[in-house]
Amino acid sequence: MSKAKSVFVTYIRTTPEKIWEAITDVKVTRQYWQNENVSDWKVGSKWEHQSIDDSRKTLLVGKVLESKSPNRLVITWADPAAADKASRVAFDFESMGDMVRLTVTHDDLEQGSGMEQGINEGWPRVLSSMKSFLETGKPLNTWLGHKMASAEA
């Protein structure tokens, strides 16, 4: 199956350090993503995207490939039931005056898969909520009334 790539760019009035924290600190991530990214963020370490409800369900799994705080983070990304079908996500932060250009590149996706559809629906929602949270202190409820497509390929 062909591999797909999606790139998402947003500009946020903040610092690279604050965006790094928003992605890697569970106390911040839960504020705008309604889930937590759990890891020590060292190269080679595993990471998990976990629900914050009582189930603490692991929604996504991966491995840290690059960790260059506060400019670049690269991880693998997979459904726990299909960890062998991991894609890759690169977060790049570029300071531009009083703002940061955040580029999220999600590649190595199976073209036409449920995961590709899910990330194309999900990343714009997550990034919009993060932007709002970092600039105003209030996240967006971008998941209101929406069911994500199955992450399985």
N, C-alpha and C. Protein backbone atom coordinates (compact mmCIF):
# COMPACT_ATOMS: atom_id res chain seq x y z
N MET A 1 0.85 -1.18 0.00
CA MET A 1 0.00 0.00 0.00
C MET A 1 0.89 1.25 0.00
N SER A 2 0.49 2.28 -0.71
CA SER A 2 1.25 3.53 -0.79
C SER A 2 1.27 4.24 0.56
N LYS A 3 2.30 5.01 0.77
CA LYS A 3 2.43 5.79 2.01
C LYS A 3 1.96 7.21 1.77
N ALA A 4 1.28 7.76 2.77
CA ALA A 4 0.75 9.12 2.70
C ALA A 4 1.49 10.01 3.69
N LYS A 5 1.41 11.31 3.42
CA LYS A 5 2.05 12.31 4.28
C LYS A 5 1.10 13.49 4.40
N SER A 6 0.95 13.99 5.62
CA SER A 6 0.15 15.19 5.86
C SER A 6 0.98 16.18 6.65
N VAL A 7 0.87 17.46 6.28
CA VAL A 7 1.61 18.52 6.96
C VAL A 7 0.61 19.56 7.45
N PHE A 8 0.75 19.93 8.72
CA PHE A 8 -0.13 20.91 9.35
C PHE A 8 0.74 22.03 9.91
N VAL A 9 0.42 23.28 9.57
CA VAL A 9 1.20 24.43 10.04
C VAL A 9 0.25 25.38 10.76
N THR A 10 0.70 25.84 11.93
CA THR A 10 -0.06 26.85 12.65
C THR A 10 0.92 27.83 13.30
N TYR A 11 0.46 29.04 13.50
CA TYR A 11 1.26 30.08 14.13
C TYR A 11 0.62 30.38 15.48
N ILE A 12 1.44 30.35 16.53
CA ILE A 12 0.93 30.52 17.89
C ILE A 12 1.74 31.61 18.58
N ARG A 13 1.05 32.55 19.18
CA ARG A 13 1.73 33.61 19.93
C ARG A 13 2.17 33.04 21.28
N THR A 14 3.38 32.49 21.28
CA THR A 14 3.95 31.86 22.46
C THR A 14 5.43 31.62 22.21
N THR A 15 6.05 30.78 23.01
CA THR A 15 7.46 30.44 22.84
C THR A 15 7.60 28.96 22.49
N PRO A 16 8.72 28.57 21.88
CA PRO A 16 8.95 27.15 21.62
C PRO A 16 8.88 26.30 22.90
N GLU A 17 9.38 26.87 24.01
CA GLU A 17 9.35 26.14 25.28
C GLU A 17 7.93 25.83 25.73
N LYS A 18 7.02 26.78 25.54
CA LYS A 18 5.62 26.57 25.94
C LYS A 18 4.94 25.52 25.04
N ILE A 19 5.27 25.51 23.75
CA ILE A 19 4.69 24.49 22.87
C ILE A 19 5.27 23.13 23.23
N TRP A 20 6.57 23.06 23.48
CA TRP A 20 7.18 21.79 23.90
C TRP A 20 6.46 21.26 25.13
N GLU A 21 6.26 22.13 26.11
CA GLU A 21 5.56 21.74 27.33
C GLU A 21 4.14 21.28 27.03
N ALA A 22 3.47 21.96 26.12
CA ALA A 22 2.09 21.61 25.78
C ALA A 22 1.99 20.21 25.17
N ILE A 23 3.02 19.78 24.49
CA ILE A 23 3.01 18.46 23.86
C ILE A 23 3.49 17.37 24.83
N THR A 24 4.44 17.71 25.70
CA THR A 24 5.11 16.68 26.49
C THR A 24 4.73 16.62 27.97
N ASP A 25 4.07 17.62 28.50
CA ASP A 25 3.73 17.66 29.93
C ASP A 25 2.27 17.24 30.11
N VAL A 26 2.05 16.14 30.82
CA VAL A 26 0.68 15.61 30.98
C VAL A 26 -0.27 16.63 31.58
N LYS A 27 0.22 17.49 32.49
CA LYS A 27 -0.66 18.47 33.12
C LYS A 27 -1.16 19.51 32.12
N VAL A 28 -0.36 19.79 31.10
CA VAL A 28 -0.75 20.76 30.09
C VAL A 28 -1.55 20.08 28.99
N THR A 29 -1.07 18.93 28.52
CA THR A 29 -1.72 18.23 27.42
C THR A 29 -3.19 17.93 27.73
N ARG A 30 -3.46 17.51 28.94
CA ARG A 30 -4.84 17.17 29.31
C ARG A 30 -5.77 18.39 29.23
N GLN A 31 -5.22 19.60 29.31
CA GLN A 31 -6.03 20.81 29.28
C GLN A 31 -6.67 21.06 27.91
N TYR A 32 -5.94 20.81 26.84
CA TYR A 32 -6.47 21.13 25.51
C TYR A 32 -6.74 19.89 24.65
N TRP A 33 -6.17 18.73 25.02
CA TRP A 33 -6.31 17.52 24.19
C TRP A 33 -7.28 16.53 24.83
N GLN A 34 -7.60 16.74 26.09
CA GLN A 34 -8.46 15.86 26.87
C GLN A 34 -7.88 14.45 26.99
N ASN A 35 -6.57 14.32 26.79
CA ASN A 35 -5.82 13.08 26.97
C ASN A 35 -4.41 13.49 27.39
N GLU A 36 -3.57 12.49 27.70
CA GLU A 36 -2.21 12.77 28.12
C GLU A 36 -1.19 12.05 27.25
N ASN A 37 -0.08 12.71 26.98
CA ASN A 37 1.06 12.08 26.33
C ASN A 37 2.06 11.73 27.43
N VAL A 38 2.31 10.44 27.63
CA VAL A 38 3.11 9.97 28.75
C VAL A 38 4.42 9.39 28.26
N SER A 39 5.54 9.97 28.71
CA SER A 39 6.88 9.49 28.35
C SER A 39 7.89 10.28 29.16
N ASP A 40 9.15 9.82 29.12
CA ASP A 40 10.22 10.64 29.67
C ASP A 40 10.87 11.46 28.55
N TRP A 41 10.43 11.25 27.31
CA TRP A 41 10.81 12.01 26.12
C TRP A 41 12.29 11.92 25.78
N LYS A 42 12.92 10.82 26.17
CA LYS A 42 14.30 10.55 25.79
C LYS A 42 14.31 9.68 24.54
N VAL A 43 15.28 9.88 23.67
CA VAL A 43 15.39 9.09 22.45
C VAL A 43 15.42 7.60 22.81
N GLY A 44 14.57 6.84 22.13
CA GLY A 44 14.47 5.40 22.38
C GLY A 44 13.38 5.02 23.36
N SER A 45 12.87 5.99 24.12
CA SER A 45 11.82 5.70 25.10
C SER A 45 10.48 5.51 24.42
N LYS A 46 9.60 4.76 25.08
CA LYS A 46 8.25 4.63 24.56
C LYS A 46 7.43 5.83 25.02
N TRP A 47 6.34 6.07 24.32
CA TRP A 47 5.37 7.08 24.75
C TRP A 47 3.99 6.48 24.54
N GLU A 48 3.04 6.94 25.31
CA GLU A 48 1.65 6.51 25.18
C GLU A 48 0.74 7.72 25.25
N HIS A 49 -0.30 7.67 24.47
CA HIS A 49 -1.37 8.68 24.51
C HIS A 49 -2.51 8.02 25.27
N GLN A 50 -2.79 8.50 26.48
CA GLN A 50 -3.74 7.86 27.37
C GLN A 50 -4.94 8.74 27.66
N SER A 51 -6.09 8.08 27.81
CA SER A 51 -7.30 8.81 28.19
C SER A 51 -7.14 9.27 29.64
N ILE A 52 -7.84 10.34 30.00
CA ILE A 52 -7.73 10.87 31.36
C ILE A 52 -8.92 10.44 32.23
N ASP A 53 -9.80 9.61 31.67
CA ASP A 53 -10.90 9.12 32.49
C ASP A 53 -10.39 7.97 33.38
N ASP A 54 -11.27 7.38 34.14
CA ASP A 54 -10.87 6.32 35.08
C ASP A 54 -10.27 5.10 34.41
N SER A 55 -10.58 4.88 33.14
CA SER A 55 -10.06 3.69 32.45
C SER A 55 -8.56 3.80 32.16
N ARG A 56 -8.05 5.04 32.01
CA ARG A 56 -6.64 5.27 31.65
C ARG A 56 -6.25 4.44 30.43
N LYS A 57 -7.19 4.31 29.51
CA LYS A 57 -6.98 3.51 28.31
C LYS A 57 -5.85 4.09 27.45
N THR A 58 -4.99 3.21 26.95
CA THR A 58 -3.95 3.63 26.03
C THR A 58 -4.54 3.70 24.63
N LEU A 59 -4.55 4.90 24.05
CA LEU A 59 -5.18 5.13 22.76
C LEU A 59 -4.19 5.04 21.60
N LEU A 60 -2.94 5.42 21.86
CA LEU A 60 -1.87 5.39 20.86
C LEU A 60 -0.57 5.02 21.56
N VAL A 61 0.34 4.42 20.79
CA VAL A 61 1.65 4.07 21.32
C VAL A 61 2.72 4.46 20.32
N GLY A 62 3.94 4.56 20.81
CA GLY A 62 5.04 4.87 19.91
C GLY A 62 6.36 4.91 20.64
N LYS A 63 7.34 5.40 19.93
CA LYS A 63 8.70 5.49 20.43
C LYS A 63 9.24 6.87 20.09
N VAL A 64 10.07 7.42 20.95
CA VAL A 64 10.70 8.72 20.72
C VAL A 64 11.91 8.51 19.81
N LEU A 65 11.89 9.13 18.63
CA LEU A 65 12.98 9.00 17.67
C LEU A 65 13.99 10.15 17.78
N GLU A 66 13.50 11.37 18.01
CA GLU A 66 14.33 12.56 18.20
C GLU A 66 13.70 13.40 19.29
N SER A 67 14.53 14.00 20.13
CA SER A 67 14.04 14.84 21.21
C SER A 67 15.04 15.97 21.41
N LYS A 68 14.77 17.11 20.76
CA LYS A 68 15.68 18.26 20.81
C LYS A 68 14.91 19.47 21.33
N SER A 69 14.63 19.44 22.63
CA SER A 69 13.87 20.52 23.26
C SER A 69 14.61 21.85 23.09
N PRO A 70 13.93 22.91 22.73
CA PRO A 70 12.52 23.05 22.42
C PRO A 70 12.25 23.21 20.92
N ASN A 71 13.07 22.60 20.07
CA ASN A 71 12.94 22.86 18.63
C ASN A 71 12.37 21.72 17.80
N ARG A 72 12.53 20.47 18.25
CA ARG A 72 12.09 19.35 17.40
C ARG A 72 11.83 18.12 18.25
N LEU A 73 10.72 17.46 17.94
CA LEU A 73 10.36 16.20 18.56
C LEU A 73 9.84 15.29 17.45
N VAL A 74 10.36 14.07 17.38
CA VAL A 74 9.90 13.10 16.38
C VAL A 74 9.55 11.80 17.11
N ILE A 75 8.36 11.29 16.82
CA ILE A 75 7.89 10.06 17.46
C ILE A 75 7.26 9.14 16.43
N THR A 76 7.19 7.86 16.75
CA THR A 76 6.35 6.97 15.96
C THR A 76 4.96 7.03 16.58
N TRP A 77 3.96 6.56 15.83
CA TRP A 77 2.55 6.75 16.20
C TRP A 77 1.77 5.55 15.69
N ALA A 78 1.11 4.82 16.60
CA ALA A 78 0.39 3.62 16.16
C ALA A 78 -0.77 3.32 17.09
N ASP A 79 -1.74 2.64 16.53
CA ASP A 79 -2.82 2.05 17.32
C ASP A 79 -2.19 0.93 18.14
N PRO A 80 -2.50 0.81 19.43
CA PRO A 80 -1.89 -0.25 20.24
C PRO A 80 -2.14 -1.65 19.67
N ALA A 81 -3.27 -1.85 18.99
CA ALA A 81 -3.60 -3.15 18.42
C ALA A 81 -2.85 -3.41 17.12
N ALA A 82 -2.21 -2.39 16.57
CA ALA A 82 -1.48 -2.53 15.30
C ALA A 82 -0.16 -1.77 15.38
N ALA A 83 0.60 -2.02 16.45
CA ALA A 83 1.85 -1.29 16.68
C ALA A 83 2.86 -1.50 15.56
N ASP A 84 2.72 -2.57 14.80
CA ASP A 84 3.63 -2.83 13.68
C ASP A 84 3.33 -1.94 12.49
N LYS A 85 2.24 -1.20 12.52
CA LYS A 85 1.87 -0.28 11.43
C LYS A 85 2.09 1.17 11.86
N ALA A 86 3.22 1.42 12.50
CA ALA A 86 3.50 2.76 13.03
C ALA A 86 3.78 3.75 11.91
N SER A 87 3.25 4.95 12.10
CA SER A 87 3.59 6.09 11.24
C SER A 87 4.55 6.96 12.04
N ARG A 88 4.88 8.12 11.51
CA ARG A 88 5.87 8.99 12.15
C ARG A 88 5.33 10.41 12.22
N VAL A 89 5.57 11.07 13.35
CA VAL A 89 5.15 12.46 13.53
C VAL A 89 6.37 13.29 13.93
N ALA A 90 6.59 14.38 13.19
CA ALA A 90 7.65 15.32 13.52
C ALA A 90 7.01 16.65 13.89
N PHE A 91 7.39 17.18 15.04
CA PHE A 91 6.96 18.50 15.49
C PHE A 91 8.17 19.41 15.37
N ASP A 92 8.07 20.46 14.57
CA ASP A 92 9.15 21.42 14.41
C ASP A 92 8.66 22.80 14.83
N PHE A 93 9.47 23.49 15.66
CA PHE A 93 9.12 24.78 16.22
C PHE A 93 10.10 25.82 15.71
N GLU A 94 9.59 26.90 15.12
CA GLU A 94 10.44 27.97 14.60
C GLU A 94 9.97 29.31 15.17
N SER A 95 10.82 29.95 15.95
CA SER A 95 10.49 31.27 16.51
C SER A 95 10.41 32.29 15.40
N MET A 96 9.40 33.15 15.48
CA MET A 96 9.20 34.23 14.51
C MET A 96 8.68 35.44 15.28
N GLY A 97 9.60 36.22 15.83
CA GLY A 97 9.19 37.37 16.64
C GLY A 97 8.52 36.91 17.90
N ASP A 98 7.26 37.35 18.12
CA ASP A 98 6.54 36.98 19.34
C ASP A 98 5.67 35.75 19.14
N MET A 99 5.95 35.00 18.10
CA MET A 99 5.16 33.79 17.84
C MET A 99 6.08 32.65 17.39
N VAL A 100 5.46 31.49 17.27
CA VAL A 100 6.16 30.29 16.83
C VAL A 100 5.39 29.67 15.68
N ARG A 101 6.12 29.30 14.66
CA ARG A 101 5.52 28.52 13.57
C ARG A 101 5.70 27.06 13.97
N LEU A 102 4.58 26.38 14.21
CA LEU A 102 4.59 24.96 14.55
C LEU A 102 4.22 24.17 13.31
N THR A 103 5.11 23.29 12.88
CA THR A 103 4.84 22.42 11.74
C THR A 103 4.78 20.99 12.24
N VAL A 104 3.66 20.34 11.99
CA VAL A 104 3.49 18.93 12.34
C VAL A 104 3.44 18.14 11.03
N THR A 105 4.41 17.27 10.85
CA THR A 105 4.48 16.43 9.65
C THR A 105 4.21 15.00 10.07
N HIS A 106 3.13 14.45 9.58
CA HIS A 106 2.75 13.07 9.90
C HIS A 106 2.91 12.26 8.62
N ASP A 107 3.88 11.35 8.60
CA ASP A 107 4.14 10.58 7.38
C ASP A 107 4.24 9.09 7.67
N ASP A 108 4.56 8.33 6.66
CA ASP A 108 4.58 6.86 6.72
C ASP A 108 3.21 6.29 7.07
N LEU A 109 2.17 6.99 6.66
CA LEU A 109 0.79 6.52 6.87
C LEU A 109 0.37 5.64 5.71
N GLU A 110 -0.38 4.61 6.01
CA GLU A 110 -0.93 3.79 4.94
C GLU A 110 -2.03 4.59 4.26
N GLN A 111 -1.83 4.85 2.98
CA GLN A 111 -2.78 5.67 2.23
C GLN A 111 -4.16 5.03 2.23
N GLY A 112 -5.17 5.83 2.55
CA GLY A 112 -6.55 5.36 2.56
C GLY A 112 -6.94 4.63 3.83
N SER A 113 -6.04 4.55 4.80
CA SER A 113 -6.33 3.83 6.05
C SER A 113 -7.20 4.67 6.98
N GLY A 114 -7.77 4.01 7.96
CA GLY A 114 -8.51 4.70 9.00
C GLY A 114 -7.62 5.64 9.79
N MET A 115 -6.36 5.26 9.97
CA MET A 115 -5.41 6.12 10.69
C MET A 115 -5.18 7.41 9.91
N GLU A 116 -5.02 7.31 8.59
CA GLU A 116 -4.83 8.52 7.79
C GLU A 116 -6.05 9.43 7.92
N GLN A 117 -7.23 8.87 7.82
CA GLN A 117 -8.44 9.67 7.95
C GLN A 117 -8.52 10.29 9.35
N GLY A 118 -8.18 9.51 10.36
CA GLY A 118 -8.24 10.00 11.74
C GLY A 118 -7.30 11.15 12.00
N ILE A 119 -6.07 11.05 11.49
CA ILE A 119 -5.13 12.14 11.76
C ILE A 119 -5.49 13.39 10.96
N ASN A 120 -6.04 13.22 9.76
CA ASN A 120 -6.44 14.39 8.97
C ASN A 120 -7.63 15.12 9.59
N GLU A 121 -8.44 14.41 10.35
CA GLU A 121 -9.52 15.04 11.10
C GLU A 121 -9.03 15.55 12.45
N GLY A 122 -8.12 14.79 13.05
CA GLY A 122 -7.70 15.06 14.42
C GLY A 122 -6.69 16.17 14.60
N TRP A 123 -5.63 16.19 13.79
CA TRP A 123 -4.59 17.20 14.00
C TRP A 123 -5.12 18.63 13.92
N PRO A 124 -5.95 18.99 12.94
CA PRO A 124 -6.45 20.38 12.95
C PRO A 124 -7.22 20.72 14.22
N ARG A 125 -7.96 19.77 14.76
CA ARG A 125 -8.71 20.00 16.00
C ARG A 125 -7.78 20.19 17.18
N VAL A 126 -6.81 19.28 17.32
CA VAL A 126 -5.86 19.35 18.43
C VAL A 126 -5.04 20.64 18.37
N LEU A 127 -4.52 20.96 17.20
CA LEU A 127 -3.69 22.15 17.07
C LEU A 127 -4.47 23.43 17.30
N SER A 128 -5.72 23.47 16.85
CA SER A 128 -6.56 24.65 17.10
C SER A 128 -6.82 24.83 18.60
N SER A 129 -7.08 23.72 19.29
CA SER A 129 -7.32 23.79 20.72
C SER A 129 -6.05 24.19 21.47
N MET A 130 -4.89 23.65 21.04
CA MET A 130 -3.62 24.02 21.67
C MET A 130 -3.35 25.51 21.48
N LYS A 131 -3.56 26.00 20.26
CA LYS A 131 -3.33 27.42 19.97
C LYS A 131 -4.20 28.30 20.88
N SER A 132 -5.48 27.97 20.96
CA SER A 132 -6.38 28.74 21.80
C SER A 132 -5.94 28.69 23.26
N PHE A 133 -5.59 27.49 23.73
CA PHE A 133 -5.18 27.33 25.13
C PHE A 133 -3.91 28.15 25.43
N LEU A 134 -2.92 28.07 24.57
CA LEU A 134 -1.67 28.78 24.82
C LEU A 134 -1.83 30.30 24.73
N GLU A 135 -2.73 30.76 23.86
CA GLU A 135 -2.90 32.21 23.69
C GLU A 135 -3.91 32.83 24.66
N THR A 136 -4.90 32.05 25.09
CA THR A 136 -5.96 32.62 25.92
C THR A 136 -6.15 31.93 27.27
N GLY A 137 -5.54 30.75 27.43
CA GLY A 137 -5.75 29.97 28.65
C GLY A 137 -6.99 29.12 28.59
N LYS A 138 -7.71 29.17 27.46
CA LYS A 138 -8.95 28.40 27.31
C LYS A 138 -8.86 27.52 26.07
N PRO A 139 -8.98 26.19 26.25
CA PRO A 139 -8.97 25.31 25.08
C PRO A 139 -10.31 25.36 24.36
N LEU A 140 -10.34 24.84 23.16
CA LEU A 140 -11.58 24.70 22.40
C LEU A 140 -12.13 23.30 22.62
N ASN A 141 -13.44 23.16 22.60
CA ASN A 141 -14.04 21.83 22.66
C ASN A 141 -14.25 21.37 21.22
N THR A 142 -13.15 21.08 20.56
CA THR A 142 -13.20 20.73 19.13
C THR A 142 -13.77 19.34 18.88
N TRP A 143 -13.95 18.54 19.93
CA TRP A 143 -14.48 17.18 19.76
C TRP A 143 -15.98 17.13 20.00
N LEU A 144 -16.60 18.26 20.33
CA LEU A 144 -18.02 18.31 20.63
C LEU A 144 -18.85 17.71 19.49
N GLY A 145 -19.62 16.70 19.80
CA GLY A 145 -20.52 16.10 18.82
C GLY A 145 -19.84 15.39 17.68
N HIS A 146 -18.58 14.97 17.87
CA HIS A 146 -17.84 14.35 16.77
C HIS A 146 -17.30 13.00 17.20
N LYS A 147 -17.44 12.02 16.33
CA LYS A 147 -16.82 10.72 16.56
C LYS A 147 -15.69 10.57 15.57
N MET A 148 -14.52 10.26 16.09
CA MET A 148 -13.34 10.06 15.23
C MET A 148 -13.51 8.77 14.45
N ALA A 149 -12.93 8.77 13.25
CA ALA A 149 -12.90 7.54 12.44
C ALA A 149 -12.04 6.52 13.16
N SER A 150 -12.28 5.28 12.90
CA SER A 150 -11.48 4.21 13.48
C SER A 150 -10.01 4.41 13.13
N ALA A 151 -9.15 4.20 14.09
CA ALA A 151 -7.72 4.35 13.86
C ALA A 151 -7.12 3.11 13.23
N GLU A 152 -7.88 2.05 13.13
CA GLU A 152 -7.34 0.82 12.56
C GLU A 152 -7.23 0.94 11.05
N ALA A 153 -6.17 0.38 10.53
CA ALA A 153 -5.93 0.44 9.08
C ALA A 153 -6.83 -0.52 8.34
